[in-house]
């Protein structure tokens, strides 16, 4: 989806309906503003960072954290 929006005289923009519906953004919901070198990225602020990040990097932690740490520490001696 590519839509052009205009910044108002109060420096506000309207998030297009298609984007609000797709991302389930409603009135009063906070958005995170990420400033990149040549662009601005808006993403919905997670209601719970714990739930949002649960399960990330599962492949890294296969066998559990203790197993991963033992493998990493074992590589230090080499």
PDB file of N, CA and C in Angstrom:
ATOM      1  N   UNK A   1       0.839  -1.172   0.000  1.00  0.00           N
ATOM      2  CA  UNK A   1       0.000   0.000   0.000  1.00  0.00           C
ATOM      3  C   UNK A   1       0.887   1.239   0.000  1.00  0.00           C
ATOM      4  N   UNK A   2       0.601   2.169  -0.851  1.00  0.00           N
ATOM      5  CA  UNK A   2       1.348   3.413  -0.916  1.00  0.00           C
ATOM      6  C   UNK A   2       0.354   4.558  -1.029  1.00  0.00           C
ATOM      7  N   UNK A   3       0.351   5.421  -0.029  1.00  0.00           N
ATOM      8  CA  UNK A   3      -0.575   6.536   0.014  1.00  0.00           C
ATOM      9  C   UNK A   3       0.199   7.785   0.393  1.00  0.00           C
ATOM     10  N   UNK A   4      -0.148   8.905  -0.181  1.00  0.00           N
ATOM     11  CA  UNK A   4       0.475  10.177   0.164  1.00  0.00           C
ATOM     12  C   UNK A   4      -0.403  10.889   1.183  1.00  0.00           C
ATOM     13  N   UNK A   5       0.215  11.397   2.249  1.00  0.00           N
ATOM     14  CA  UNK A   5      -0.500  12.203   3.238  1.00  0.00           C
ATOM     15  C   UNK A   5       0.164  13.568   3.292  1.00  0.00           C
ATOM     16  N   UNK A   6      -0.567  14.545   3.801  1.00  0.00           N
ATOM     17  CA  UNK A   6      -0.059  15.904   3.873  1.00  0.00           C
ATOM     18  C   UNK A   6       0.052  16.331   5.327  1.00  0.00           C
ATOM     19  N   UNK A   7       1.133  16.999   5.658  1.00  0.00           N
ATOM     20  CA  UNK A   7       1.326  17.524   7.012  1.00  0.00           C
ATOM     21  C   UNK A   7       0.527  18.817   7.129  1.00  0.00           C
ATOM     22  N   UNK A   8      -0.300  18.913   8.189  1.00  0.00           N
ATOM     23  CA  UNK A   8      -1.123  20.106   8.378  1.00  0.00           C
ATOM     24  C   UNK A   8      -0.293  21.257   8.946  1.00  0.00           C
ATOM     25  N   UNK A   9      -0.926  22.418   9.066  1.00  0.00           N
ATOM     26  CA  UNK A   9      -0.234  23.585   9.627  1.00  0.00           C
ATOM     27  C   UNK A   9       0.140  23.360  11.092  1.00  0.00           C
ATOM     28  N   UNK A  10      -0.516  22.378  11.737  1.00  0.00           N
ATOM     29  CA  UNK A  10      -0.183  22.029  13.131  1.00  0.00           C
ATOM     30  C   UNK A  10       0.769  20.829  13.187  1.00  0.00           C
ATOM     31  N   UNK A  11       1.377  20.501  12.046  1.00  0.00           N
ATOM     32  CA  UNK A  11       2.330  19.392  11.932  1.00  0.00           C
ATOM     33  C   UNK A  11       1.688  18.042  12.224  1.00  0.00           C
ATOM     34  N   UNK A  12       0.444  17.867  11.841  1.00  0.00           N
ATOM     35  CA  UNK A  12      -0.276  16.613  12.045  1.00  0.00           C
ATOM     36  C   UNK A  12      -0.497  15.924  10.704  1.00  0.00           C
ATOM     37  N   UNK A  13      -0.649  14.583  10.777  1.00  0.00           N
ATOM     38  CA  UNK A  13      -1.004  13.815   9.591  1.00  0.00           C
ATOM     39  C   UNK A  13      -2.190  12.923   9.948  1.00  0.00           C
ATOM     40  N   UNK A  14      -2.904  12.454   8.924  1.00  0.00           N
ATOM     41  CA  UNK A  14      -3.985  11.501   9.112  1.00  0.00           C
ATOM     42  C   UNK A  14      -3.485  10.150   8.625  1.00  0.00           C
ATOM     43  N   UNK A  15      -3.600   9.131   9.482  1.00  0.00           N
ATOM     44  CA  UNK A  15      -3.229   7.777   9.077  1.00  0.00           C
ATOM     45  C   UNK A  15      -4.390   7.250   8.230  1.00  0.00           C
ATOM     46  N   UNK A  16      -4.127   6.849   6.994  1.00  0.00           N
ATOM     47  CA  UNK A  16      -5.202   6.397   6.114  1.00  0.00           C
ATOM     48  C   UNK A  16      -6.002   5.226   6.707  1.00  0.00           C
ATOM     49  N   UNK A  17      -7.302   5.212   6.389  1.00  0.00           N
ATOM     50  CA  UNK A  17      -8.201   4.194   6.933  1.00  0.00           C
ATOM     51  C   UNK A  17      -7.694   2.778   6.660  1.00  0.00           C
ATOM     52  N   UNK A  18      -7.206   2.517   5.451  1.00  0.00           N
ATOM     53  CA  UNK A  18      -6.729   1.170   5.108  1.00  0.00           C
ATOM     54  C   UNK A  18      -5.613   0.735   6.057  1.00  0.00           C
ATOM     55  N   UNK A  19      -4.705   1.647   6.369  1.00  0.00           N
ATOM     56  CA  UNK A  19      -3.596   1.332   7.272  1.00  0.00           C
ATOM     57  C   UNK A  19      -4.107   1.120   8.692  1.00  0.00           C
ATOM     58  N   UNK A  20      -5.037   1.976   9.144  1.00  0.00           N
ATOM     59  CA  UNK A  20      -5.590   1.825  10.501  1.00  0.00           C
ATOM     60  C   UNK A  20      -6.302   0.492  10.651  1.00  0.00           C
ATOM     61  N   UNK A  21      -7.068   0.112   9.631  1.00  0.00           N
ATOM     62  CA  UNK A  21      -7.792  -1.158   9.700  1.00  0.00           C
ATOM     63  C   UNK A  21      -6.836  -2.352   9.660  1.00  0.00           C
ATOM     64  N   UNK A  22      -5.865  -2.290   8.788  1.00  0.00           N
ATOM     65  CA  UNK A  22      -4.915  -3.400   8.651  1.00  0.00           C
ATOM     66  C   UNK A  22      -4.118  -3.610   9.943  1.00  0.00           C
ATOM     67  N   UNK A  23      -3.707  -2.512  10.590  1.00  0.00           N
ATOM     68  CA  UNK A  23      -2.895  -2.606  11.805  1.00  0.00           C
ATOM     69  C   UNK A  23      -3.728  -2.533  13.079  1.00  0.00           C
ATOM     70  N   UNK A  24      -5.048  -2.465  12.923  1.00  0.00           N
ATOM     71  CA  UNK A  24      -5.973  -2.393  14.068  1.00  0.00           C
ATOM     72  C   UNK A  24      -5.630  -1.230  14.998  1.00  0.00           C
ATOM     73  N   UNK A  25      -5.437  -0.060  14.417  1.00  0.00           N
ATOM     74  CA  UNK A  25      -5.141   1.145  15.182  1.00  0.00           C
ATOM     75  C   UNK A  25      -6.452   1.869  15.447  1.00  0.00           C
ATOM     76  N   UNK A  26      -6.697   2.183  16.713  1.00  0.00           N
ATOM     77  CA  UNK A  26      -7.917   2.878  17.082  1.00  0.00           C
ATOM     78  C   UNK A  26      -7.627   4.187  17.781  1.00  0.00           C
ATOM     79  N   UNK A  27      -8.683   4.949  18.062  1.00  0.00           N
ATOM     80  CA  UNK A  27      -8.521   6.231  18.747  1.00  0.00           C
ATOM     81  C   UNK A  27      -7.793   6.068  20.076  1.00  0.00           C
ATOM     82  N   UNK A  28      -6.847   6.931  20.334  1.00  0.00           N
ATOM     83  CA  UNK A  28      -6.111   6.913  21.593  1.00  0.00           C
ATOM     84  C   UNK A  28      -4.937   5.956  21.640  1.00  0.00           C
ATOM     85  N   UNK A  29      -4.777   5.113  20.616  1.00  0.00           N
ATOM     86  CA  UNK A  29      -3.658   4.163  20.629  1.00  0.00           C
ATOM     87  C   UNK A  29      -2.353   4.888  20.336  1.00  0.00           C
ATOM     88  N   UNK A  30      -1.318   4.555  21.075  1.00  0.00           N
ATOM     89  CA  UNK A  30      -0.007   5.172  20.897  1.00  0.00           C
ATOM     90  C   UNK A  30       0.722   4.538  19.710  1.00  0.00           C
ATOM     91  N   UNK A  31       1.473   5.359  18.990  1.00  0.00           N
ATOM     92  CA  UNK A  31       2.318   4.895  17.901  1.00  0.00           C
ATOM     93  C   UNK A  31       3.762   5.232  18.235  1.00  0.00           C
ATOM     94  N   UNK A  32       4.662   4.333  17.890  1.00  0.00           N
ATOM     95  CA  UNK A  32       6.088   4.610  18.037  1.00  0.00           C
ATOM     96  C   UNK A  32       6.564   5.279  16.754  1.00  0.00           C
ATOM     97  N   UNK A  33       7.360   6.325  16.885  1.00  0.00           N
ATOM     98  CA  UNK A  33       7.887   7.059  15.738  1.00  0.00           C
ATOM     99  C   UNK A  33       9.377   6.754  15.636  1.00  0.00           C
ATOM    100  N   UNK A  34       9.758   6.106  14.565  1.00  0.00           N
ATOM    101  CA  UNK A  34      11.163   5.770  14.337  1.00  0.00           C
ATOM    102  C   UNK A  34      11.695   6.688  13.244  1.00  0.00           C
ATOM    103  N   UNK A  35      12.738   7.424  13.528  1.00  0.00           N
ATOM    104  CA  UNK A  35      13.349   8.326  12.556  1.00  0.00           C
ATOM    105  C   UNK A  35      14.554   7.634  11.935  1.00  0.00           C
ATOM    106  N   UNK A  36      14.433   7.344  10.663  1.00  0.00           N
ATOM    107  CA  UNK A  36      15.531   6.746   9.916  1.00  0.00           C
ATOM    108  C   UNK A  36      16.239   7.866   9.152  1.00  0.00           C
ATOM    109  N   UNK A  37      17.301   7.519   8.468  1.00  0.00           N
ATOM    110  CA  UNK A  37      18.092   8.532   7.774  1.00  0.00           C
ATOM    111  C   UNK A  37      17.264   9.348   6.782  1.00  0.00           C
ATOM    112  N   UNK A  38      16.379   8.667   6.043  1.00  0.00           N
ATOM    113  CA  UNK A  38      15.623   9.367   5.003  1.00  0.00           C
ATOM    114  C   UNK A  38      14.114   9.138   5.076  1.00  0.00           C
ATOM    115  N   UNK A  39      13.632   8.665   6.229  1.00  0.00           N
ATOM    116  CA  UNK A  39      12.202   8.380   6.341  1.00  0.00           C
ATOM    117  C   UNK A  39      11.753   8.328   7.794  1.00  0.00           C
ATOM    118  N   UNK A  40      10.450   8.377   7.979  1.00  0.00           N
ATOM    119  CA  UNK A  40       9.830   8.236   9.295  1.00  0.00           C
ATOM    120  C   UNK A  40       8.990   6.967   9.247  1.00  0.00           C
ATOM    121  N   UNK A  41       9.096   6.138  10.276  1.00  0.00           N
ATOM    122  CA  UNK A  41       8.334   4.903  10.343  1.00  0.00           C
ATOM    123  C   UNK A  41       7.429   4.977  11.568  1.00  0.00           C
ATOM    124  N   UNK A  42       6.143   4.734  11.369  1.00  0.00           N
ATOM    125  CA  UNK A  42       5.180   4.702  12.473  1.00  0.00           C
ATOM    126  C   UNK A  42       4.746   3.262  12.685  1.00  0.00           C
ATOM    127  N   UNK A  43       4.838   2.787  13.921  1.00  0.00           N
ATOM    128  CA  UNK A  43       4.357   1.438  14.229  1.00  0.00           C
ATOM    129  C   UNK A  43       3.523   1.501  15.505  1.00  0.00           C
ATOM    130  N   UNK A  44       2.491   0.663  15.591  1.00  0.00           N
ATOM    131  CA  UNK A  44       1.688   0.648  16.808  1.00  0.00           C
ATOM    132  C   UNK A  44       2.548   0.252  18.004  1.00  0.00           C
ATOM    133  N   UNK A  45       2.399   0.975  19.102  1.00  0.00           N
ATOM    134  CA  UNK A  45       3.125   0.638  20.318  1.00  0.00           C
ATOM    135  C   UNK A  45       2.499  -0.628  20.905  1.00  0.00           C
ATOM    136  N   UNK A  46       3.301  -1.645  21.164  1.00  0.00           N
ATOM    137  CA  UNK A  46       2.739  -2.877  21.726  1.00  0.00           C
ATOM    138  C   UNK A  46       2.081  -2.611  23.078  1.00  0.00           C
ATOM    139  N   UNK A  47       0.955  -3.246  23.306  1.00  0.00           N
ATOM    140  CA  UNK A  47       0.296  -3.113  24.607  1.00  0.00           C
ATOM    141  C   UNK A  47       1.121  -3.813  25.677  1.00  0.00           C
ATOM    142  N   UNK A  48       1.811  -4.879  25.280  1.00  0.00           N
ATOM    143  CA  UNK A  48       2.667  -5.620  26.200  1.00  0.00           C
ATOM    144  C   UNK A  48       3.941  -6.015  25.452  1.00  0.00           C
ATOM    145  N   UNK A  49       5.065  -5.457  25.868  1.00  0.00           N
ATOM    146  CA  UNK A  49       6.337  -5.808  25.223  1.00  0.00           C
ATOM    147  C   UNK A  49       6.683  -7.272  25.486  1.00  0.00           C
ATOM    148  N   UNK A  50       6.277  -7.787  26.639  1.00  0.00           N
ATOM    149  CA  UNK A  50       6.553  -9.185  26.968  1.00  0.00           C
ATOM    150  C   UNK A  50       5.865 -10.109  25.974  1.00  0.00           C
ATOM    151  N   UNK A  51       4.582  -9.871  25.727  1.00  0.00           N
ATOM    152  CA  UNK A  51       3.847 -10.706  24.777  1.00  0.00           C
ATOM    153  C   UNK A  51       4.357 -10.496  23.358  1.00  0.00           C
ATOM    154  N   UNK A  52       4.706  -9.263  23.013  1.00  0.00           N
ATOM    155  CA  UNK A  52       5.164  -8.944  21.661  1.00  0.00           C
ATOM    156  C   UNK A  52       6.485  -9.634  21.330  1.00  0.00           C
ATOM    157  N   UNK A  53       7.385  -9.749  22.298  1.00  0.00           N
ATOM    158  CA  UNK A  53       8.701 -10.328  22.033  1.00  0.00           C
ATOM    159  C   UNK A  53       8.792 -11.810  22.395  1.00  0.00           C
ATOM    160  N   UNK A  54       7.737 -12.364  22.968  1.00  0.00           N
ATOM    161  CA  UNK A  54       7.763 -13.791  23.337  1.00  0.00           C
ATOM    162  C   UNK A  54       7.988 -14.644  22.089  1.00  0.00           C
ATOM    163  N   UNK A  55       8.912 -15.548  22.179  1.00  0.00           N
ATOM    164  CA  UNK A  55       9.181 -16.467  21.083  1.00  0.00           C
ATOM    165  C   UNK A  55      10.206 -15.987  20.070  1.00  0.00           C
ATOM    166  N   UNK A  56      10.676 -14.762  20.211  1.00  0.00           N
ATOM    167  CA  UNK A  56      11.696 -14.288  19.278  1.00  0.00           C
ATOM    168  C   UNK A  56      13.001 -15.050  19.517  1.00  0.00           C
ATOM    169  N   UNK A  57      13.725 -15.287  18.478  1.00  0.00           N
ATOM    170  CA  UNK A  57      15.033 -15.952  18.546  1.00  0.00           C
ATOM    171  C   UNK A  57      14.953 -17.368  19.099  1.00  0.00           C
ATOM    172  N   UNK A  58      13.858 -18.056  18.807  1.00  0.00           N
ATOM    173  CA  UNK A  58      13.722 -19.434  19.282  1.00  0.00           C
ATOM    174  C   UNK A  58      14.836 -20.326  18.764  1.00  0.00           C
ATOM    175  N   UNK A  59      15.269 -20.075  17.529  1.00  0.00           N
ATOM    176  CA  UNK A  59      16.330 -20.913  16.960  1.00  0.00           C
ATOM    177  C   UNK A  59      17.642 -20.712  17.707  1.00  0.00           C
ATOM    178  N   UNK A  60      17.876 -19.505  18.209  1.00  0.00           N
ATOM    179  CA  UNK A  60      19.098 -19.228  18.959  1.00  0.00           C
ATOM    180  C   UNK A  60      19.110 -20.011  20.261  1.00  0.00           C
ATOM    181  N   UNK A  61      17.943 -20.112  20.885  1.00  0.00           N
ATOM    182  CA  UNK A  61      17.861 -20.715  22.219  1.00  0.00           C
ATOM    183  C   UNK A  61      17.407 -22.176  22.202  1.00  0.00           C
ATOM    184  N   UNK A  62      17.536 -22.872  21.069  1.00  0.00           N
ATOM    185  CA  UNK A  62      17.134 -24.281  21.024  1.00  0.00           C
ATOM    186  C   UNK A  62      17.895 -25.055  22.094  1.00  0.00           C
ATOM    187  N   UNK A  63      17.185 -25.842  22.863  1.00  0.00           N
ATOM    188  CA  UNK A  63      17.808 -26.586  23.949  1.00  0.00           C
ATOM    189  C   UNK A  63      17.856 -25.798  25.240  1.00  0.00           C
ATOM    190  N   UNK A  64      17.375 -24.583  25.231  1.00  0.00           N
ATOM    191  CA  UNK A  64      17.331 -23.771  26.441  1.00  0.00           C
ATOM    192  C   UNK A  64      18.527 -22.839  26.555  1.00  0.00           C
ATOM    193  N   UNK A  65      18.387 -21.865  27.419  1.00  0.00           N
ATOM    194  CA  UNK A  65      19.431 -20.857  27.602  1.00  0.00           C
ATOM    195  C   UNK A  65      20.702 -21.468  28.177  1.00  0.00           C
ATOM    196  N   UNK A  66      20.571 -22.419  29.107  1.00  0.00           N
ATOM    197  CA  UNK A  66      21.749 -23.028  29.728  1.00  0.00           C
ATOM    198  C   UNK A  66      22.596 -23.748  28.678  1.00  0.00           C
ATOM    199  N   UNK A  67      21.941 -24.474  27.782  1.00  0.00           N
ATOM    200  CA  UNK A  67      22.646 -25.182  26.716  1.00  0.00           C
ATOM    201  C   UNK A  67      23.357 -24.195  25.789  1.00  0.00           C
ATOM    202  N   UNK A  68      22.662 -23.108  25.443  1.00  0.00           N
ATOM    203  CA  UNK A  68      23.246 -22.087  24.573  1.00  0.00           C
ATOM    204  C   UNK A  68      24.474 -21.456  25.233  1.00  0.00           C
ATOM    205  N   UNK A  69      24.362 -21.097  26.503  1.00  0.00           N
ATOM    206  CA  UNK A  69      25.490 -20.482  27.209  1.00  0.00           C
ATOM    207  C   UNK A  69      26.674 -21.438  27.317  1.00  0.00           C
ATOM    208  N   UNK A  70      26.402 -22.716  27.594  1.00  0.00           N
ATOM    209  CA  UNK A  70      27.482 -23.705  27.684  1.00  0.00           C
ATOM    210  C   UNK A  70      28.208 -23.820  26.347  1.00  0.00           C
ATOM    211  N   UNK A  71      27.458 -23.815  25.254  1.00  0.00           N
ATOM    212  CA  UNK A  71      28.072 -23.908  23.921  1.00  0.00           C
ATOM    213  C   UNK A  71      28.910 -22.668  23.631  1.00  0.00           C
ATOM    214  N   UNK A  72      28.401 -21.495  23.959  1.00  0.00           N
ATOM    215  CA  UNK A  72      29.141 -20.259  23.721  1.00  0.00           C
ATOM    216  C   UNK A  72      30.413 -20.228  24.568  1.00  0.00           C
ATOM    217  N   UNK A  73      30.298 -20.550  25.844  1.00  0.00           N
ATOM    218  CA  UNK A  73      31.466 -20.548  26.719  1.00  0.00           C
ATOM    219  C   UNK A  73      32.493 -21.576  26.294  1.00  0.00           C
ATOM    220  N   UNK A  74      32.049 -22.694  25.765  1.00  0.00           N
ATOM    221  CA  UNK A  74      32.962 -23.715  25.263  1.00  0.00           C
ATOM    222  C   UNK A  74      33.763 -23.223  24.076  1.00  0.00           C
ATOM    223  N   UNK A  75      33.186 -22.320  23.298  1.00  0.00           N
ATOM    224  CA  UNK A  75      33.893 -21.818  22.126  1.00  0.00           C
ATOM    225  C   UNK A  75      34.965 -20.803  22.508  1.00  0.00           C
ATOM    226  N   UNK A  76      34.930 -20.251  23.720  1.00  0.00           N
ATOM    227  CA  UNK A  76      35.911 -19.258  24.158  1.00  0.00           C
ATOM    228  C   UNK A  76      37.303 -19.871  24.291  1.00  0.00           C
ATOM    229  N   UNK A  77      37.377 -21.131  24.657  1.00  0.00           N
ATOM    230  CA  UNK A  77      38.663 -21.779  24.891  1.00  0.00           C
ATOM    231  C   UNK A  77      39.378 -22.142  23.590  1.00  0.00           C
ATOM    232  N   UNK A  78      38.671 -22.080  22.486  1.00  0.00           N
ATOM    233  CA  UNK A  78      39.255 -22.542  21.218  1.00  0.00           C
ATOM    234  C   UNK A  78      40.096 -21.498  20.564  1.00  0.00           C
TER     235      UNK A  78
END
